[in-house]
Amino acid sequence: MAQKTSQTPSRTLTRAEVAKNNTEDSLWCIIDHQVYDLTDFVDAHPGGSVVLRQIAGQDATSAFYNLHRQEVLQKYASLCIGTIEGEKAEVISHQAGDLSRVPYAEPLWLTPIFKSPYYSESHRKLQRAVREFVDRDIYPEAQQKEEDGTYISQELVDKMAANNLLATRLGPGKHLAGRTLLGGIPGEEFDYFHDLIVAQELSRAVSRGFQDGNASGMMISLTAVRQWANDAALRDRVTDECLSGRKFMCLAITEAFAGSDVAGIRTTATKTADGKHYVINGTKKWITNGMFADYFVTGCRTGNGFSVILVPRDDNVTTRKIKTSYSTAAATAYIEFDNVHVPVNHLLGKEDQGFIVIMSNFNHERWAMTCGVARWMRTIVEECLKWSHQRIVFGKPLIQQPVIRQKLAAMISRTEAVQAWLESVTYQMCNLDYAQQSKLLGGPIGLLKSYATRCAHEVADDAVNIFGGRGLTQSGMGKVVEQFHRTYKFDAILGGAEEVLADLGVRQAMKQMPKAML
């Protein structure tokens, strides 16, 4: 990922000159043909001073890359004082917006050789612009927030509102009309492949908690308001507030008593005697973005069924932070509604028929989660390919071990299979209207998500074994692998558990089974 860098000094030095600077009073070394003065860095080195004294005055390229990521050099670029005479750096330093040259690090359609029937120049323009924005603006904040557990900054939200990246999170729709998106793409041109690109590029911030903290709650809740609000003025006002970044929203369905079993919800909404308000009582649990949400799209039990109501935050709404396997940057919350009065025009859809409101949201949510899973797996493949070439074990690079190549082959195969199936489903989404998607794609998307998270399980397992102890360490070379291994299960649970979605896919197929075949 891109870091702030300074240009390499034009000073040229000989290896003999470097060799003379081999004490703590003047400690130089060579990394990738460039000379670094570490004299003032010795005491600040996270690994201690001993390891630096061991490479004083020497070429430390192999030692460095056997322990560190390239971004470490970018971070400490100011320590570089020159280049070895007649030599030049060989390692590619990533800059904002760059595509990776590592095999399989990018989907096939982004490589210079392979072709795809799905993507046009419009998609490529958007991809380039979003990647540059992610590298330059999102990645640095995501890393900080993932570590300290604080929430996305208003400054970043404002940037995403201004460039309409925030609006793209809802997918294609009328809300994009008249907007110009990153890359100069008209909002009316935005289709599900543009949507896929946004979802996958945002995942490249490699911060799983922050990824969900970055408006994921809005993505799965504002869509319900836009589609099912009975009051157009309320719908438009809330849409403007959220897409401008002034207000935040989340989906509050899950409870301690009801996860994938939505029918088990116990939160109640009872009308007041004058019929003008609902009174909401109950609790919700594991609600993404709940800590900073201004609105809660809330599943409730009503007179004869289940309803969905848009609940604004007030003094009778209490939220408490839940610590999970990923960072609290996701703002995961336990919510208590204690006699919260909500105007009846905040009902979404029809009273007692809220199940259809929730189910209509699930296809896009599950599809978007699969986009992220596929990109994360690809990032892990890239990490493992780079590490297996860097890491020297028993006198030779790790990649020369056949067992490692077998693991990489399995990881690549799973990643490419998920991406191919994802693109096939995305093509169907682009060619089916909303009603057809709801009827025909619930099963395939459920199976796709279930398969993707099973593949993620295998990829995470193999990646940790390739990285060894570093794959269990939250810093250094293996930090991305460690995070993926710790957090991939979120996608296997959120939006519908693997087993539930696999069963859904088969049950939907059963409905299409011709009786003549029985």
Protein backbone atom coordinates (compact mmCIF):
# COMPACT_ATOMS: atom_id res chain seq x y z
CA MET A 1 0.00 0.00 0.00
CA ALA A 2 1.10 3.56 -0.64
CA GLN A 3 3.06 5.40 2.01
CA LYS A 4 4.54 8.87 2.01
CA THR A 5 7.91 8.65 0.30
CA SER A 6 10.73 11.04 -0.54
CA GLN A 7 12.87 10.84 -3.64
CA THR A 8 16.10 8.88 -3.33
CA PRO A 9 19.02 11.29 -2.80
CA SER A 10 21.16 11.76 -5.90
CA ARG A 11 24.37 11.13 -3.92
CA THR A 12 26.34 8.11 -5.10
CA LEU A 13 28.52 6.04 -2.81
CA THR A 14 30.81 3.04 -3.17
CA ARG A 15 30.48 -0.19 -1.25
CA ALA A 16 33.93 0.48 0.20
CA GLU A 17 32.67 3.78 1.65
CA VAL A 18 29.70 2.05 3.22
CA ALA A 19 31.93 -0.64 4.74
CA LYS A 20 33.85 2.01 6.70
CA ASN A 21 30.70 3.13 8.51
CA ASN A 22 30.34 0.06 10.68
CA THR A 23 30.10 1.37 14.25
CA GLU A 24 27.27 2.74 16.40
CA ASP A 25 28.79 6.20 15.96
CA SER A 26 28.37 5.90 12.19
CA LEU A 27 26.21 2.97 11.11
CA TRP A 28 25.34 2.57 7.45
CA CYS A 29 23.99 -0.37 5.51
CA ILE A 30 22.85 -1.24 1.98
CA ILE A 31 19.31 -2.39 1.16
CA ASP A 32 18.32 -2.95 -2.46
CA HIS A 33 21.37 -1.00 -3.76
CA GLN A 34 20.48 2.04 -1.66
CA VAL A 35 22.43 3.31 1.34
CA TYR A 36 20.74 3.97 4.68
CA ASP A 37 22.28 5.90 7.57
CA LEU A 38 20.91 4.22 10.71
CA THR A 39 23.17 6.02 13.20
CA ASP A 40 20.38 8.01 14.83
CA PHE A 41 17.91 5.14 14.42
CA VAL A 42 19.82 2.51 16.42
CA ASP A 43 18.14 3.21 19.75
CA ALA A 44 14.71 3.64 18.13
CA HIS A 45 14.81 0.38 16.14
CA PRO A 46 11.83 -1.77 17.27
CA GLY A 47 13.99 -4.90 17.02
CA GLY A 48 16.73 -3.48 19.23
CA SER A 49 20.25 -2.29 18.50
CA VAL A 50 22.00 -5.67 18.33
CA VAL A 51 20.54 -6.71 15.00
CA LEU A 52 21.59 -3.39 13.43
CA ARG A 53 25.16 -3.73 14.71
CA GLN A 54 25.27 -7.15 13.04
CA ILE A 55 24.74 -5.65 9.59
CA ALA A 56 26.72 -2.41 10.05
CA GLY A 57 28.63 -1.49 6.91
CA GLN A 58 27.21 -4.47 5.00
CA ASP A 59 24.66 -5.26 2.31
CA ALA A 60 21.60 -6.12 4.43
CA THR A 61 19.17 -6.74 1.56
CA SER A 62 18.60 -10.44 2.24
CA ALA A 63 18.41 -9.94 6.00
CA PHE A 64 15.97 -7.06 5.65
CA TYR A 65 13.53 -8.80 3.30
CA ASN A 66 13.70 -11.96 5.37
CA LEU A 67 12.11 -9.95 8.19
CA HIS A 68 10.31 -6.90 6.81
CA ARG A 69 7.73 -5.62 4.35
CA GLN A 70 8.65 -3.14 1.59
CA GLU A 71 6.45 -0.50 3.21
CA VAL A 72 8.97 -0.30 6.08
CA LEU A 73 11.51 1.18 3.65
CA GLN A 74 8.88 3.58 2.38
CA LYS A 75 8.06 4.63 5.92
CA TYR A 76 11.72 5.38 6.71
CA ALA A 77 12.67 6.77 3.30
CA SER A 78 14.25 9.80 5.00
CA LEU A 79 17.07 7.56 6.26
CA CYS A 80 18.19 6.86 2.69
CA ILE A 81 21.30 8.94 1.91
CA GLY A 82 22.23 7.69 -1.53
CA THR A 83 22.65 4.88 -4.06
CA ILE A 84 25.56 2.56 -4.71
CA GLU A 85 27.58 3.78 -7.67
CA GLY A 86 26.58 2.07 -10.92
CA GLU A 87 23.60 0.30 -9.34
CA LYS A 88 19.87 0.97 -9.07
CA ALA A 89 17.02 -0.34 -6.94
CA GLU A 90 15.33 -3.54 -8.13
CA VAL A 91 12.34 -3.81 -5.79
CA ILE A 92 9.15 -2.17 -7.07
CA SER A 93 7.83 0.44 -4.63
CA HIS A 94 4.04 0.68 -4.74
CA GLN A 95 2.56 4.12 -5.37
CA ALA A 96 -1.05 5.24 -4.96
CA GLY A 97 -3.25 3.72 -7.65
CA ASP A 98 -0.72 1.17 -8.92
CA LEU A 99 -1.73 -2.31 -10.00
CA SER A 100 0.30 -5.14 -8.51
CA ARG A 101 2.65 -7.08 -10.78
CA VAL A 102 2.50 -10.17 -8.58
CA PRO A 103 0.76 -13.04 -10.44
CA TYR A 104 -2.89 -13.51 -9.35
CA ALA A 105 -2.72 -10.36 -7.19
CA GLU A 106 -5.28 -8.75 -9.50
CA PRO A 107 -8.42 -10.25 -11.08
CA LEU A 108 -7.80 -11.38 -14.64
CA TRP A 109 -9.69 -8.47 -16.20
CA LEU A 110 -7.18 -6.03 -14.67
CA THR A 111 -4.10 -7.77 -16.07
CA PRO A 112 -2.57 -6.49 -19.34
CA ILE A 113 -2.81 -9.84 -21.13
CA PHE A 114 -6.12 -11.46 -20.22
CA LYS A 115 -9.52 -10.25 -21.43
CA SER A 116 -13.05 -10.22 -20.03
CA PRO A 117 -16.45 -9.68 -21.68
CA TYR A 118 -17.85 -8.05 -18.54
CA TYR A 119 -15.86 -4.84 -18.17
CA SER A 120 -15.80 -1.67 -20.27
CA GLU A 121 -13.60 1.42 -20.23
CA SER A 122 -16.11 2.96 -17.81
CA HIS A 123 -15.32 0.21 -15.29
CA ARG A 124 -11.59 0.69 -15.77
CA LYS A 125 -11.81 4.45 -15.19
CA LEU A 126 -13.73 3.93 -11.99
CA GLN A 127 -11.31 1.25 -10.78
CA ARG A 128 -8.27 3.45 -11.32
CA ALA A 129 -9.84 6.40 -9.52
CA VAL A 130 -11.19 4.40 -6.57
CA ARG A 131 -7.89 2.58 -6.08
CA GLU A 132 -5.97 5.83 -5.97
CA PHE A 133 -8.44 7.25 -3.45
CA VAL A 134 -8.25 4.12 -1.29
CA ASP A 135 -4.45 4.08 -1.34
CA ARG A 136 -4.08 7.78 -0.67
CA ASP A 137 -6.98 8.61 1.67
CA ILE A 138 -8.58 5.47 3.09
CA TYR A 139 -5.66 3.09 3.70
CA PRO A 140 -3.70 5.30 6.14
CA GLU A 141 -6.77 6.07 8.24
CA ALA A 142 -7.98 2.47 8.10
CA GLN A 143 -4.68 1.23 9.51
CA GLN A 144 -4.80 3.74 12.34
CA LYS A 145 -8.46 3.07 13.22
CA GLU A 146 -8.03 -0.70 13.04
CA GLU A 147 -5.28 -0.43 15.62
CA ASP A 148 -6.78 2.09 18.05
CA GLY A 149 -10.41 1.01 17.64
CA THR A 150 -11.79 4.49 17.06
CA TYR A 151 -14.45 5.24 14.44
CA ILE A 152 -14.13 6.61 10.92
CA SER A 153 -13.34 10.33 10.89
CA GLN A 154 -15.86 12.92 9.75
CA GLU A 155 -13.15 14.28 7.46
CA LEU A 156 -12.97 11.00 5.52
CA VAL A 157 -16.76 10.66 5.45
CA ASP A 158 -16.97 14.18 4.01
CA LYS A 159 -14.46 13.29 1.29
CA MET A 160 -16.45 10.20 0.32
CA ALA A 161 -19.65 12.23 0.29
CA ALA A 162 -18.07 14.92 -1.88
CA ASN A 163 -16.76 12.47 -4.50
CA ASN A 164 -20.00 10.40 -4.31
CA LEU A 165 -18.19 7.25 -3.23
CA LEU A 166 -20.58 7.16 -0.28
CA ALA A 167 -23.58 7.10 -2.62
CA THR A 168 -22.18 4.19 -4.62
CA ARG A 169 -22.36 1.98 -1.52
CA LEU A 170 -26.10 1.50 -2.13
CA GLY A 171 -25.53 -0.03 -5.56
CA PRO A 172 -27.14 1.14 -8.82
CA GLY A 173 -30.28 3.23 -8.51
CA LYS A 174 -32.07 6.54 -8.88
CA HIS A 175 -30.07 8.02 -5.99
CA LEU A 176 -27.07 8.23 -8.36
CA ALA A 177 -28.90 10.24 -11.03
CA GLY A 178 -27.17 13.53 -11.72
CA ARG A 179 -24.07 12.60 -9.73
CA THR A 180 -20.58 12.41 -11.20
CA LEU A 181 -18.60 9.55 -9.70
CA LEU A 182 -14.87 9.03 -9.31
CA GLY A 183 -13.21 8.67 -12.70
CA GLY A 184 -15.77 11.03 -14.21
CA ILE A 185 -18.37 8.26 -14.49
CA PRO A 186 -22.00 9.50 -14.73
CA GLY A 187 -24.13 8.05 -11.95
CA GLU A 188 -26.64 6.77 -14.49
CA GLU A 189 -23.89 4.54 -15.96
CA PHE A 190 -23.19 2.78 -12.67
CA ASP A 191 -24.06 -0.93 -12.86
CA TYR A 192 -23.36 -3.97 -10.68
CA PHE A 193 -19.86 -4.40 -12.11
CA HIS A 194 -19.07 -0.83 -11.05
CA ASP A 195 -20.56 -1.83 -7.69
CA LEU A 196 -18.32 -4.92 -7.54
CA ILE A 197 -15.27 -2.75 -8.24
CA VAL A 198 -16.11 -0.35 -5.40
CA ALA A 199 -16.65 -3.22 -2.94
CA GLN A 200 -13.38 -4.93 -3.87
CA GLU A 201 -11.26 -1.79 -3.96
CA LEU A 202 -12.54 -0.67 -0.55
CA SER A 203 -11.51 -4.07 0.84
CA ARG A 204 -7.92 -3.31 -0.14
CA ALA A 205 -7.63 -1.10 2.93
CA VAL A 206 -6.97 -4.50 4.61
CA SER A 207 -8.62 -3.45 7.87
CA ARG A 208 -11.57 -5.77 8.44
CA GLY A 209 -13.14 -3.91 11.36
CA PHE A 210 -12.74 -0.51 9.71
CA GLN A 211 -14.12 -2.01 6.49
CA ASP A 212 -17.44 -2.62 8.26
CA GLY A 213 -17.14 0.67 10.11
CA ASN A 214 -16.94 2.49 6.77
CA ALA A 215 -20.70 2.90 6.17
CA SER A 216 -21.52 -0.82 5.95
CA GLY A 217 -24.49 -0.19 8.24
CA MET A 218 -25.81 2.45 5.86
CA MET A 219 -25.30 0.20 2.86
CA ILE A 220 -27.67 -2.45 4.25
CA SER A 221 -30.23 -0.10 5.82
CA LEU A 222 -30.68 3.01 3.68
CA THR A 223 -31.57 0.74 0.77
CA ALA A 224 -34.61 -0.44 2.76
CA VAL A 225 -35.65 3.15 3.48
CA ARG A 226 -35.38 4.10 -0.18
CA GLN A 227 -37.34 1.11 -1.39
CA TRP A 228 -39.98 0.77 1.32
CA ALA A 229 -40.57 4.19 2.92
CA ASN A 230 -44.24 5.16 2.76
CA ASP A 231 -43.48 8.86 3.28
CA ALA A 232 -41.57 10.25 0.28
CA ALA A 233 -40.51 13.41 2.12
CA LEU A 234 -39.05 11.33 4.97
CA ARG A 235 -37.29 9.04 2.48
CA ASP A 236 -35.71 11.96 0.61
CA ARG A 237 -34.66 13.82 3.77
CA VAL A 238 -33.00 10.78 5.35
CA THR A 239 -31.32 9.87 2.05
CA ASP A 240 -29.86 13.37 1.74
CA GLU A 241 -28.69 13.36 5.37
CA CYS A 242 -26.89 10.02 5.01
CA LEU A 243 -25.41 10.41 1.54
CA SER A 244 -24.08 13.86 2.47
CA GLY A 245 -22.36 12.31 5.52
CA ARG A 246 -24.29 14.46 8.03
CA LYS A 247 -26.11 11.49 9.57
CA PHE A 248 -25.37 7.77 9.96
CA MET A 249 -27.59 4.71 9.82
CA CYS A 250 -27.54 1.02 10.66
CA LEU A 251 -29.66 -2.12 10.31
CA ALA A 252 -30.95 -3.36 13.68
CA ILE A 253 -32.44 -6.81 13.18
CA THR A 254 -30.31 -9.35 15.07
CA GLU A 255 -31.01 -10.04 18.74
CA ALA A 256 -29.58 -12.33 21.37
CA PHE A 257 -32.66 -14.51 20.69
CA ALA A 258 -32.71 -14.12 16.90
CA GLY A 259 -29.79 -14.32 14.46
CA SER A 260 -30.42 -16.10 11.17
CA ASP A 261 -33.82 -16.98 12.66
CA VAL A 262 -35.44 -13.59 12.06
CA ALA A 263 -38.80 -14.97 13.16
CA GLY A 264 -37.46 -15.17 16.72
CA ILE A 265 -37.33 -11.39 17.19
CA ARG A 266 -38.72 -10.15 20.54
CA THR A 267 -38.47 -6.37 20.17
CA THR A 268 -42.00 -4.95 20.11
CA ALA A 269 -43.68 -1.94 18.52
CA THR A 270 -47.05 -1.03 20.05
CA LYS A 271 -49.23 1.82 18.80
CA THR A 272 -50.24 4.60 21.16
CA ALA A 273 -53.94 5.09 21.92
CA ASP A 274 -54.22 7.92 19.37
CA GLY A 275 -52.55 5.75 16.71
CA LYS A 276 -49.94 8.42 15.89
CA HIS A 277 -46.84 6.71 17.29
CA TYR A 278 -45.22 3.33 17.77
CA VAL A 279 -43.65 2.65 21.15
CA ILE A 280 -40.52 0.52 20.69
CA ASN A 281 -39.21 -1.76 23.44
CA GLY A 282 -36.49 -4.37 23.15
CA THR A 283 -32.84 -5.03 22.48
CA LYS A 284 -30.59 -5.66 19.49
CA LYS A 285 -27.14 -7.21 19.46
CA TRP A 286 -24.07 -7.26 17.19
CA ILE A 287 -25.31 -4.24 15.24
CA THR A 288 -22.64 -2.88 12.88
CA ASN A 289 -22.21 0.93 13.10
CA GLY A 290 -24.71 0.98 15.97
CA MET A 291 -22.44 3.03 18.23
CA PHE A 292 -22.52 6.12 16.02
CA ALA A 293 -25.81 5.61 14.13
CA ASP A 294 -28.42 8.37 14.10
CA TYR A 295 -31.08 6.08 12.61
CA PHE A 296 -31.87 2.40 13.22
CA VAL A 297 -33.82 0.37 10.65
CA THR A 298 -35.38 -1.88 13.28
CA GLY A 299 -37.18 -5.19 13.11
CA CYS A 300 -40.11 -5.35 15.56
CA ARG A 301 -43.02 -7.54 16.51
CA THR A 302 -46.33 -5.78 15.82
CA GLY A 303 -49.94 -6.84 16.31
CA ASN A 304 -50.10 -9.87 14.03
CA GLY A 305 -46.63 -10.21 12.64
CA PHE A 306 -43.27 -8.59 12.03
CA SER A 307 -42.69 -4.97 10.91
CA VAL A 308 -39.70 -2.78 10.09
CA ILE A 309 -39.57 0.76 11.48
CA LEU A 310 -37.07 3.59 11.03
CA VAL A 311 -36.14 4.61 14.59
CA PRO A 312 -34.27 7.91 15.14
CA ARG A 313 -31.82 8.02 18.05
CA ASP A 314 -33.09 9.82 21.14
CA ASP A 315 -32.48 9.74 24.89
CA ASN A 316 -34.41 6.47 25.20
CA VAL A 317 -32.03 4.66 22.83
CA THR A 318 -28.94 3.30 24.57
CA THR A 319 -25.96 1.82 22.75
CA ARG A 320 -23.06 -0.08 24.30
CA LYS A 321 -19.89 -1.20 22.55
CA ILE A 322 -19.37 -4.90 21.83
CA LYS A 323 -15.80 -6.15 21.45
CA THR A 324 -15.50 -8.86 18.82
CA SER A 325 -12.66 -10.60 16.99
CA TYR A 326 -12.09 -7.58 14.81
CA SER A 327 -11.51 -3.95 15.71
CA THR A 328 -14.07 -1.81 17.51
CA ALA A 329 -13.67 0.53 14.51
CA ALA A 330 -16.74 -1.34 13.19
CA ALA A 331 -18.75 0.32 16.00
CA THR A 332 -20.53 -2.97 16.80
CA ALA A 333 -23.21 -2.29 19.40
CA TYR A 334 -25.71 -3.69 21.84
CA ILE A 335 -28.83 -1.52 21.61
CA GLU A 336 -31.66 -1.02 24.07
CA PHE A 337 -34.94 0.64 23.08
CA ASP A 338 -36.80 1.77 26.20
CA ASN A 339 -40.25 3.20 25.37
CA VAL A 340 -38.97 4.94 22.24
CA HIS A 341 -41.78 6.89 20.54
CA VAL A 342 -41.63 6.89 16.73
CA PRO A 343 -44.17 8.49 14.35
CA VAL A 344 -46.22 5.91 12.44
CA ASN A 345 -45.04 7.34 9.10
CA HIS A 346 -41.63 5.78 9.90
CA LEU A 347 -43.05 2.33 9.09
CA LEU A 348 -41.27 0.73 6.13
CA GLY A 349 -43.54 -1.33 3.90
CA LYS A 350 -46.76 -2.60 5.40
CA GLU A 351 -47.47 -3.37 9.03
CA ASP A 352 -47.03 -7.05 9.91
CA GLN A 353 -45.38 -7.67 6.52
CA GLY A 354 -41.83 -6.65 7.38
CA PHE A 355 -40.29 -9.97 6.47
CA ILE A 356 -40.29 -9.04 2.78
CA VAL A 357 -38.59 -5.71 3.62
CA ILE A 358 -35.68 -7.50 5.27
CA MET A 359 -35.41 -10.32 2.76
CA SER A 360 -35.32 -7.90 -0.19
CA ASN A 361 -32.13 -6.41 1.27
CA PHE A 362 -30.29 -9.68 1.71
CA ASN A 363 -29.31 -10.41 -1.90
CA HIS A 364 -27.24 -7.24 -2.32
CA GLU A 365 -25.77 -7.50 1.17
CA ARG A 366 -24.64 -11.10 0.66
CA TRP A 367 -23.35 -10.37 -2.82
CA ALA A 368 -21.35 -7.36 -1.55
CA MET A 369 -19.87 -9.46 1.25
CA THR A 370 -18.75 -12.03 -1.32
CA CYS A 371 -17.05 -9.26 -3.31
CA GLY A 372 -15.05 -8.39 -0.22
CA VAL A 373 -14.22 -12.01 0.61
CA ALA A 374 -12.92 -12.60 -2.93
CA ARG A 375 -10.70 -9.53 -2.75
CA TRP A 376 -9.38 -10.46 0.69
CA MET A 377 -8.46 -13.96 -0.54
CA ARG A 378 -6.63 -12.40 -3.47
CA THR A 379 -4.71 -10.11 -1.14
CA ILE A 380 -3.69 -13.14 0.94
CA VAL A 381 -2.54 -14.97 -2.20
CA GLU A 382 -0.37 -11.94 -3.04
CA GLU A 383 1.04 -11.83 0.49
CA CYS A 384 1.92 -15.52 0.37
CA LEU A 385 3.51 -15.35 -3.08
CA LYS A 386 5.69 -12.42 -2.02
CA TRP A 387 6.64 -14.00 1.30
CA SER A 388 7.48 -17.38 -0.19
CA HIS A 389 9.94 -15.67 -2.55
CA GLN A 390 11.43 -13.50 0.23
CA ARG A 391 11.73 -16.02 3.01
CA ILE A 392 14.94 -18.05 3.06
CA VAL A 393 14.58 -21.42 4.82
CA PHE A 394 17.25 -24.13 4.91
CA GLY A 395 19.35 -22.02 2.57
CA LYS A 396 16.79 -21.48 -0.19
CA PRO A 397 13.59 -19.49 -0.83
CA LEU A 398 10.43 -20.99 0.63
CA ILE A 399 8.88 -21.14 -2.86
CA GLN A 400 11.28 -23.96 -3.76
CA GLN A 401 9.51 -26.29 -1.36
CA PRO A 402 6.92 -28.42 -3.28
CA VAL A 403 4.51 -28.47 -0.31
CA ILE A 404 4.40 -24.64 -0.36
CA ARG A 405 3.68 -24.60 -4.09
CA GLN A 406 0.82 -27.04 -3.52
CA LYS A 407 -0.70 -24.74 -0.91
CA LEU A 408 -0.35 -21.76 -3.22
CA ALA A 409 -1.97 -23.71 -6.07
CA ALA A 410 -4.99 -24.48 -3.88
CA MET A 411 -5.27 -20.86 -2.70
CA ILE A 412 -5.08 -19.48 -6.24
CA SER A 413 -7.63 -21.99 -7.52
CA ARG A 414 -10.17 -21.16 -4.81
CA THR A 415 -9.71 -17.42 -5.31
CA GLU A 416 -10.15 -17.58 -9.07
CA ALA A 417 -13.15 -19.90 -8.77
CA VAL A 418 -14.94 -17.52 -6.40
CA GLN A 419 -14.17 -14.51 -8.61
CA ALA A 420 -15.43 -16.28 -11.74
CA TRP A 421 -18.70 -17.37 -10.09
CA LEU A 422 -19.09 -13.89 -8.60
CA GLU A 423 -18.73 -12.25 -12.01
CA SER A 424 -21.22 -14.70 -13.53
CA VAL A 425 -23.82 -13.84 -10.86
CA THR A 426 -23.04 -10.13 -11.27
CA TYR A 427 -23.79 -10.40 -14.99
CA GLN A 428 -27.19 -11.88 -14.15
CA MET A 429 -27.84 -8.99 -11.74
CA CYS A 430 -27.11 -6.53 -14.54
CA ASN A 431 -29.65 -8.25 -16.79
CA LEU A 432 -32.50 -8.94 -14.36
CA ASP A 433 -34.85 -6.39 -12.86
CA TYR A 434 -35.22 -6.17 -9.10
CA ALA A 435 -38.22 -8.50 -8.90
CA GLN A 436 -36.47 -11.13 -11.01
CA GLN A 437 -33.34 -10.87 -8.88
CA SER A 438 -35.40 -11.41 -5.72
CA LYS A 439 -37.11 -14.44 -7.22
CA LEU A 440 -34.22 -16.11 -9.01
CA LEU A 441 -30.93 -15.10 -7.37
CA GLY A 442 -31.53 -15.62 -3.65
CA GLY A 443 -30.42 -19.25 -3.90
CA PRO A 444 -27.40 -18.76 -6.18
CA ILE A 445 -26.13 -15.80 -4.14
CA GLY A 446 -26.61 -17.80 -0.95
CA LEU A 447 -24.62 -20.70 -2.38
CA LEU A 448 -21.95 -18.33 -3.68
CA LYS A 449 -21.47 -16.66 -0.31
CA SER A 450 -21.41 -20.00 1.49
CA TYR A 451 -18.83 -21.36 -0.96
CA ALA A 452 -16.71 -18.19 -0.77
CA THR A 453 -16.46 -18.26 3.00
CA ARG A 454 -15.61 -21.99 2.96
CA CYS A 455 -12.83 -21.16 0.51
CA ALA A 456 -11.72 -18.32 2.79
CA HIS A 457 -11.45 -20.85 5.62
CA GLU A 458 -9.04 -22.98 3.59
CA VAL A 459 -7.07 -19.99 2.29
CA ALA A 460 -6.65 -18.60 5.81
CA ASP A 461 -5.47 -21.96 7.11
CA ASP A 462 -2.88 -22.45 4.35
CA ALA A 463 -1.66 -18.86 4.62
CA VAL A 464 -0.91 -19.14 8.34
CA ASN A 465 1.04 -22.33 7.74
CA ILE A 466 3.06 -20.61 5.01
CA PHE A 467 3.88 -17.67 7.29
CA GLY A 468 4.44 -19.76 10.41
CA GLY A 469 4.71 -17.76 13.62
CA ARG A 470 4.43 -14.50 11.71
CA GLY A 471 0.96 -15.57 10.61
CA LEU A 472 -0.08 -15.40 14.26
CA THR A 473 1.48 -11.99 14.90
CA GLN A 474 -0.47 -8.73 14.63
CA SER A 475 2.48 -6.76 13.28
CA GLY A 476 5.28 -7.14 10.79
CA MET A 477 5.37 -9.44 7.78
CA GLY A 478 2.39 -11.60 8.69
CA LYS A 479 -0.01 -8.95 9.98
CA VAL A 480 -2.39 -9.13 7.00
CA VAL A 481 -2.51 -12.93 7.15
CA GLU A 482 -3.06 -12.87 10.91
CA GLN A 483 -5.93 -10.42 10.54
CA PHE A 484 -7.59 -12.46 7.80
CA HIS A 485 -7.29 -15.66 9.82
CA ARG A 486 -8.81 -13.88 12.82
CA THR A 487 -11.65 -12.14 10.98
CA TYR A 488 -12.71 -14.16 7.91
CA LYS A 489 -15.44 -15.80 10.01
CA PHE A 490 -17.39 -12.54 10.11
CA ASP A 491 -18.36 -13.11 6.49
CA ALA A 492 -19.33 -16.70 7.27
CA ILE A 493 -21.80 -15.48 9.92
CA LEU A 494 -23.00 -11.97 9.07
CA GLY A 495 -25.77 -11.70 6.49
CA GLY A 496 -26.75 -15.32 7.04
CA ALA A 497 -24.66 -18.23 8.31
CA GLU A 498 -22.94 -20.57 5.85
CA GLU A 499 -25.17 -23.52 6.61
CA VAL A 500 -28.37 -21.48 6.39
CA LEU A 501 -27.39 -20.04 3.01
CA ALA A 502 -26.29 -23.40 1.61
CA ASP A 503 -29.65 -24.84 2.59
CA LEU A 504 -31.43 -21.83 1.07
CA GLY A 505 -29.67 -22.44 -2.23
CA VAL A 506 -30.74 -26.08 -2.38
CA ARG A 507 -34.31 -25.31 -1.29
CA GLN A 508 -34.66 -22.69 -4.01
CA ALA A 509 -33.35 -25.19 -6.55
CA MET A 510 -35.94 -27.71 -5.33
CA LYS A 511 -38.71 -25.26 -6.23
CA GLN A 512 -37.48 -25.23 -9.82
CA MET A 513 -37.19 -28.99 -10.04
CA PRO A 514 -39.49 -30.28 -12.84
CA LYS A 515 -41.93 -32.90 -11.56
CA ALA A 516 -41.43 -34.95 -14.72
CA MET A 517 -37.94 -35.76 -13.47
CA LEU A 518 -39.21 -37.34 -10.24
